[in-house]
Structures are given as structure tokens and as C-alpha cells.
Amino acid sequence: MAIARVTLLTLILLAVALVSALTAMHFAIHGREVEVPNLIGMTPVEAERLSQAAGLQIEVQREYYSPNIAVGRVMSQVPQPGTKVKRGFEVRVARSLGPQRVTIPDVTGQTPRAAQINLERRGLDLGTLALVALAGATPDQVLAQSPPANASGVSAPRISLLVDAASGPPAFVMPNFVGQPLGAVTNLVQAAGMRIGKVTIVSAEPTAPAAAQGSASPQPTPQTPTSAAPPAAAPTGSSPTPSPSSLILSQSPAAGQKIALGDAIDFEVSR
């Protein structure tokens, strides 16, 4: 009997210790929770004072028009009143601008910058700015707005704009074609959407031997016009035609410069 009595007392003590531990844990966890007060209708100063008394913080994040809440007072809050949160939690509130009195202007057809200035002069903010590329539309121009012009019952003083962002043809970086055959480069250029512009054939002038420059012999003298004779003897009105195997000596635009789709590229090639 004595052993049974000791065992029973031990179990009772363990149960009491367990209940005490659970109770302490409950107070440790929930003792730091506070209830969010109702801030609706208060001024920001009053709402901040009440929140701090409850161990909470407050932040005014948005402003909306409201026909029911006076100007400058709290019209909504997150979390809702009565919610249990941790001490130090930040309550986000929206402030009332009162009833809508400003007229929403029509900014379609204006540039985004001009539209923003127009809105700010009326105490409105620029909301979302969406870009879209439409064929035939004027680039950098407001195509639509939300809310529309002269709208009533607007909730927030923000106007979102849809702007045409149509740009010119795409630009590329000019590669280096020097030293490559004209035929292969022509295929590459045309496949990339560019055009072959002016192709000029450059013929190298023959260089006189160094030994002949110091000779007193009269024989080299008639050789000079002879070496220049072939270009001068070309038939009038005819021009040499570049061959696909002609090597490119120079290009315009130069390598590394920007070139737009459809632009022409000029080359100087060898015979």
C-alpha cells in the first residue's frame, strides 16, 4: 500500500508540473498578444496615440476619396479591429480625402510627361503606366486613361495611363566583314535584313623596285606610263564588276557601330 501511495503522489506531482508548464507556456506565448483597436474615424494623431498605448505601431499608406469619412481621418485599417496580433505589430491605415471634388482631366493624346504635369496640377497622382506597341499609333503618346475623363465616384486620386511605346526598327551591332569574300557576306547581310549598298573596286598601284629608283639608266623612264596604262585604257562608260570572290577591304558603317534593320552597307573590295 505504501508503494502504491508513493506512486500515486508522484503521478499527481508530475501532472501538476505539466499543467504548470503548459500554463506558463500559454502566458508566454499569448501574453505578448494584443488586440487591434478600432481606429476608424480618428485623426492620424489620435490613431497613433491609441495604437502606441496598445503596444502597436501605425503607418498611413494610402489616401482615398470618401463621402462618409471627414477629410484627414482614418477610413480603413489592416488588420481589422479586434484582431489579435503580436505586440509591436504595424497597423496600416488609409486616410480620407473627403468627397471627390476634383474633375478628372482628359490627358489622351498627350505625352506621358505632359499628362503627369496636368494631373499633378489638379492634385492627382500618376498611377500605373502601361506600355503597348500599336501599329500606326504615335509613339510616346497616351492612348487611354483610367478612370476616364470627367469620371465621378473615383476611389483614389490616381490616374493610370496606357502609352504607345512603338519604336523604330531594331538596331544591331555591325560585325567585321573585312577580309571576307563579297559573295558570302552578301548572303549574310541580306539574310539579316540589311542591304548591300555601294560596292567600290579598289585596285592596288604597283610599287617600283627600290633598285630602279637610284639608277641613272634612261630605260626605266618609259616604263612609268606603261604601268599606269591599263586603268587609263578602260573603255569609256564601262566599270569593272565585283566578283563574289572579291575580298572586302573596308566597310561602312565600321565594325562595332549600330545599324538598323533595312540599312545599306557600303564596301570597298579588291579586284
Protein backbone atom coordinates (compact mmCIF):
# COMPACT_ATOMS: atom_id res chain seq x y z
CA MET A 1 0.00 0.00 0.00
CA ALA A 2 2.82 2.38 0.79
CA ILE A 3 4.38 1.82 -2.59
CA ALA A 4 1.08 2.45 -4.35
CA ARG A 5 0.59 5.64 -2.32
CA VAL A 6 4.06 6.95 -3.29
CA THR A 7 3.46 6.12 -6.92
CA LEU A 8 0.12 7.96 -6.88
CA LEU A 9 1.67 11.03 -5.26
CA THR A 10 4.45 11.01 -7.87
CA LEU A 11 1.93 10.91 -10.69
CA ILE A 12 -0.04 13.77 -9.14
CA LEU A 13 3.11 15.87 -8.82
CA LEU A 14 4.04 15.16 -12.44
CA ALA A 15 0.55 16.15 -13.59
CA VAL A 16 0.71 19.40 -11.59
CA ALA A 17 4.15 20.17 -13.03
CA LEU A 18 2.92 19.51 -16.55
CA VAL A 19 -0.13 21.74 -16.10
CA SER A 20 2.05 24.47 -14.65
CA ALA A 21 4.45 24.24 -17.60
CA LEU A 22 1.61 24.41 -20.12
CA THR A 23 0.07 27.37 -18.29
CA ALA A 24 3.39 29.20 -18.24
CA MET A 25 3.92 28.50 -21.94
CA HIS A 26 0.43 29.73 -22.73
CA PHE A 27 1.04 33.03 -20.93
CA ALA A 28 4.47 33.33 -22.50
CA ILE A 29 3.02 32.98 -25.99
CA HIS A 30 -0.32 34.73 -25.66
CA GLY A 31 0.73 37.22 -23.05
CA ARG A 32 2.57 39.15 -25.77
CA GLU A 33 -0.54 39.34 -27.98
CA VAL A 34 -2.66 42.48 -28.05
CA GLU A 35 -5.99 43.33 -29.62
CA VAL A 36 -6.03 45.80 -32.51
CA PRO A 37 -8.16 48.81 -31.52
CA ASN A 38 -10.75 50.45 -33.76
CA LEU A 39 -9.08 53.44 -35.44
CA ILE A 40 -11.81 54.28 -37.98
CA GLY A 41 -12.86 57.93 -37.85
CA MET A 42 -9.84 59.07 -35.81
CA THR A 43 -7.26 61.59 -36.86
CA PRO A 44 -3.78 60.15 -37.54
CA VAL A 45 -2.55 61.65 -34.26
CA GLU A 46 -5.38 60.08 -32.25
CA ALA A 47 -4.91 56.74 -34.04
CA GLU A 48 -1.18 56.77 -33.34
CA ARG A 49 -1.69 57.56 -29.67
CA LEU A 50 -4.21 54.74 -29.21
CA SER A 51 -2.04 52.26 -31.13
CA GLN A 52 1.04 53.05 -29.08
CA ALA A 53 -0.95 52.60 -25.87
CA ALA A 54 -1.79 49.09 -27.08
CA GLY A 55 1.85 48.40 -27.93
CA LEU A 56 1.33 48.73 -31.70
CA GLN A 57 2.71 50.91 -34.47
CA ILE A 58 0.78 52.73 -37.20
CA GLU A 59 1.56 53.73 -40.77
CA VAL A 60 -0.57 55.80 -43.15
CA GLN A 61 -0.13 54.13 -46.54
CA ARG A 62 -2.91 55.31 -48.83
CA GLU A 63 -5.41 58.10 -49.34
CA TYR A 64 -8.89 57.60 -50.81
CA TYR A 65 -11.97 59.65 -51.51
CA SER A 66 -14.81 59.03 -49.07
CA PRO A 67 -18.26 60.63 -48.89
CA ASN A 68 -18.71 59.39 -45.30
CA ILE A 69 -15.38 59.97 -43.51
CA ALA A 70 -14.19 63.52 -42.93
CA VAL A 71 -11.02 64.74 -44.61
CA GLY A 72 -7.82 63.61 -42.88
CA ARG A 73 -9.41 60.90 -40.72
CA VAL A 74 -8.78 57.15 -40.85
CA MET A 75 -11.23 55.46 -43.23
CA SER A 76 -9.87 51.88 -43.20
CA GLN A 77 -7.31 49.78 -41.40
CA VAL A 78 -5.46 46.46 -41.68
CA PRO A 79 -5.76 44.29 -39.57
CA GLN A 80 -9.40 44.79 -38.71
CA PRO A 81 -10.40 45.93 -35.19
CA GLY A 82 -10.41 43.11 -32.63
CA THR A 83 -7.72 41.07 -34.37
CA LYS A 84 -5.10 39.54 -32.05
CA VAL A 85 -1.54 40.41 -33.12
CA LYS A 86 1.92 40.43 -31.59
CA ARG A 87 2.96 43.43 -29.58
CA GLY A 88 4.86 45.83 -31.82
CA PHE A 89 2.82 44.89 -34.92
CA GLU A 90 2.33 47.65 -37.53
CA VAL A 91 -1.24 48.64 -38.33
CA ARG A 92 -1.65 50.07 -41.85
CA VAL A 93 -4.35 52.69 -42.31
CA ALA A 94 -5.81 54.72 -45.17
CA ARG A 95 -6.66 58.37 -44.77
CA SER A 96 -9.79 60.02 -46.16
CA LEU A 97 -9.64 62.79 -48.76
CA GLY A 98 -13.32 63.53 -48.30
CA PRO A 99 -15.77 63.54 -51.22
CA GLN A 100 -14.32 63.75 -54.73
CA ARG A 101 -14.27 67.38 -55.79
CA VAL A 102 -11.58 67.34 -58.48
CA THR A 103 -12.51 66.89 -62.14
CA ILE A 104 -10.65 64.12 -63.93
CA PRO A 105 -8.96 65.74 -66.97
CA ASP A 106 -8.62 64.20 -70.41
CA VAL A 107 -4.90 63.52 -70.99
CA THR A 108 -5.22 61.21 -74.00
CA GLY A 109 -3.08 62.36 -76.90
CA GLN A 110 -0.51 63.95 -74.59
CA THR A 111 2.99 62.74 -73.85
CA PRO A 112 3.38 60.90 -70.51
CA ARG A 113 5.36 63.83 -69.09
CA ALA A 114 2.75 66.41 -70.12
CA ALA A 115 -0.02 64.17 -68.76
CA GLN A 116 1.77 63.81 -65.40
CA ILE A 117 2.17 67.59 -65.07
CA ASN A 118 -1.50 68.05 -65.96
CA LEU A 119 -2.56 65.56 -63.28
CA GLU A 120 -0.31 66.95 -60.56
CA ARG A 121 -1.67 70.46 -61.11
CA ARG A 122 -5.08 69.09 -60.10
CA GLY A 123 -3.78 67.24 -57.05
CA LEU A 124 -3.86 63.85 -58.77
CA ASP A 125 -1.11 61.24 -58.87
CA LEU A 126 0.19 59.18 -61.74
CA GLY A 127 -0.76 55.55 -61.16
CA THR A 128 0.26 52.61 -63.32
CA LEU A 129 1.99 53.44 -66.61
CA ALA A 130 1.46 50.60 -69.10
CA LEU A 131 3.28 50.47 -72.44
CA VAL A 132 1.96 48.90 -75.63
CA ALA A 133 3.26 48.93 -79.22
CA LEU A 134 0.46 49.55 -81.76
CA ALA A 135 0.94 49.81 -85.50
CA GLY A 136 0.12 53.27 -86.80
CA ALA A 137 -0.03 54.90 -83.37
CA THR A 138 2.07 57.92 -82.43
CA PRO A 139 4.99 56.86 -80.22
CA ASP A 140 5.22 58.25 -76.67
CA GLN A 141 1.55 59.28 -76.58
CA VAL A 142 -1.22 58.48 -74.08
CA LEU A 143 -3.75 56.18 -75.76
CA ALA A 144 -6.16 55.67 -72.83
CA GLN A 145 -6.59 56.51 -69.17
CA SER A 146 -8.32 55.02 -66.13
CA PRO A 147 -10.51 56.48 -64.71
CA PRO A 148 -11.71 58.22 -67.87
CA ALA A 149 -12.12 61.97 -68.20
CA ASN A 150 -14.87 63.58 -66.08
CA ALA A 151 -15.44 60.33 -64.15
CA SER A 152 -17.29 60.57 -60.83
CA GLY A 153 -17.22 58.30 -57.81
CA VAL A 154 -13.46 57.82 -58.13
CA SER A 155 -11.99 55.94 -55.18
CA ALA A 156 -8.37 57.15 -55.32
CA PRO A 157 -6.65 60.25 -56.73
CA ARG A 158 -4.53 58.17 -59.12
CA ILE A 159 -4.83 58.03 -62.88
CA SER A 160 -3.33 55.07 -64.77
CA LEU A 161 -2.19 55.60 -68.35
CA LEU A 162 -1.77 53.40 -71.41
CA VAL A 163 1.07 54.77 -73.57
CA ASP A 164 2.16 53.76 -77.05
CA ALA A 165 5.76 52.60 -76.98
CA ALA A 166 6.22 51.89 -80.68
CA SER A 167 9.89 52.23 -81.50
CA GLY A 168 11.89 52.34 -84.69
CA PRO A 169 13.36 49.30 -86.40
CA PRO A 170 15.57 47.13 -84.18
CA ALA A 171 19.25 48.05 -84.04
CA PHE A 172 22.20 45.70 -84.34
CA VAL A 173 25.94 45.94 -83.81
CA MET A 174 27.84 46.00 -87.09
CA PRO A 175 30.12 42.94 -87.45
CA ASN A 176 33.58 42.99 -89.04
CA PHE A 177 33.46 41.78 -92.66
CA VAL A 178 36.96 42.90 -93.67
CA GLY A 179 38.95 40.09 -95.30
CA GLN A 180 35.86 38.02 -96.16
CA PRO A 181 34.65 37.30 -99.73
CA LEU A 182 31.92 39.60 -101.01
CA GLY A 183 29.59 36.76 -102.06
CA ALA A 184 29.43 35.13 -98.65
CA VAL A 185 29.00 38.50 -96.91
CA THR A 186 26.19 39.45 -99.29
CA ASN A 187 24.24 36.36 -98.30
CA LEU A 188 24.75 37.08 -94.58
CA VAL A 189 23.76 40.74 -94.89
CA GLN A 190 20.58 40.01 -96.84
CA ALA A 191 19.59 37.17 -94.53
CA ALA A 192 19.89 39.57 -91.57
CA GLY A 193 17.53 42.06 -93.20
CA MET A 194 20.16 44.58 -94.33
CA ARG A 195 21.00 45.78 -97.85
CA ILE A 196 24.20 45.89 -99.86
CA GLY A 197 24.88 49.50 -100.76
CA LYS A 198 27.68 50.84 -102.92
CA VAL A 199 30.46 48.38 -103.76
CA THR A 200 33.68 50.06 -104.93
CA ILE A 201 36.56 48.15 -106.51
CA VAL A 202 39.96 49.32 -105.32
CA SER A 203 42.97 48.37 -107.49
CA ALA A 204 46.41 48.38 -105.87
CA GLU A 205 49.06 50.57 -107.57
CA PRO A 206 52.24 48.64 -108.47
CA THR A 207 55.28 49.72 -106.46
CA ALA A 208 58.55 50.49 -108.33
CA PRO A 209 61.56 48.37 -107.27
CA ALA A 210 63.91 50.16 -104.90
CA ALA A 211 66.93 49.43 -107.14
CA ALA A 212 65.38 51.22 -110.09
CA GLN A 213 64.87 54.46 -108.13
CA GLY A 214 68.61 55.14 -107.90
CA SER A 215 69.57 54.00 -111.42
CA ALA A 216 70.79 56.58 -113.94
CA SER A 217 69.76 54.42 -116.86
CA PRO A 218 67.18 56.08 -119.13
CA GLN A 219 65.34 52.79 -119.70
CA PRO A 220 63.03 52.92 -116.61
CA THR A 221 61.60 56.30 -117.67
CA PRO A 222 59.24 54.98 -120.38
CA GLN A 223 58.13 52.16 -118.02
CA THR A 224 56.24 54.52 -115.69
CA PRO A 225 53.42 55.43 -118.10
CA THR A 226 53.33 51.83 -119.22
CA SER A 227 52.45 50.62 -115.69
CA ALA A 228 49.64 53.18 -115.41
CA ALA A 229 48.33 52.46 -118.85
CA PRO A 230 45.78 49.69 -118.02
CA PRO A 231 43.43 51.85 -115.87
CA ALA A 232 43.52 54.66 -118.42
CA ALA A 233 42.83 52.28 -121.27
CA ALA A 234 39.49 51.10 -119.88
CA PRO A 235 36.63 51.69 -122.31
CA THR A 236 34.66 54.89 -121.75
CA GLY A 237 31.44 54.39 -119.75
CA SER A 238 32.34 50.91 -118.53
CA SER A 239 33.15 49.99 -114.93
CA PRO A 240 34.57 46.76 -113.54
CA THR A 241 32.11 44.41 -111.88
CA PRO A 242 32.99 42.99 -108.45
CA SER A 243 33.30 39.26 -108.20
CA PRO A 244 31.77 37.15 -105.41
CA SER A 245 35.32 36.12 -104.58
CA SER A 246 36.48 39.74 -104.19
CA LEU A 247 37.82 40.33 -100.71
CA ILE A 248 36.37 43.15 -98.63
CA LEU A 249 38.97 45.82 -97.83
CA SER A 250 36.77 48.24 -95.85
CA GLN A 251 33.14 48.73 -94.84
CA SER A 252 30.76 51.49 -93.86
CA PRO A 253 29.37 51.53 -91.17
CA ALA A 254 32.52 50.33 -89.48
CA ALA A 255 32.58 47.29 -87.23
CA GLY A 256 31.09 47.96 -83.80
CA GLN A 257 28.74 50.75 -84.91
CA LYS A 258 24.95 50.44 -84.67
CA ILE A 259 22.92 49.65 -87.76
CA ALA A 260 19.15 49.44 -88.10
CA LEU A 261 17.12 46.83 -89.91
CA GLY A 262 16.98 47.66 -93.63
CA ASP A 263 20.04 49.92 -93.66
CA ALA A 264 22.55 49.71 -96.51
CA ILE A 265 26.17 48.68 -96.03
CA ASP A 266 28.87 50.01 -98.38
CA PHE A 267 32.02 48.04 -99.20
CA GLU A 268 35.38 48.56 -100.82
CA VAL A 269 36.66 45.33 -102.36
CA SER A 270 39.71 44.13 -104.24
CA ARG A 271 39.64 43.06 -107.90
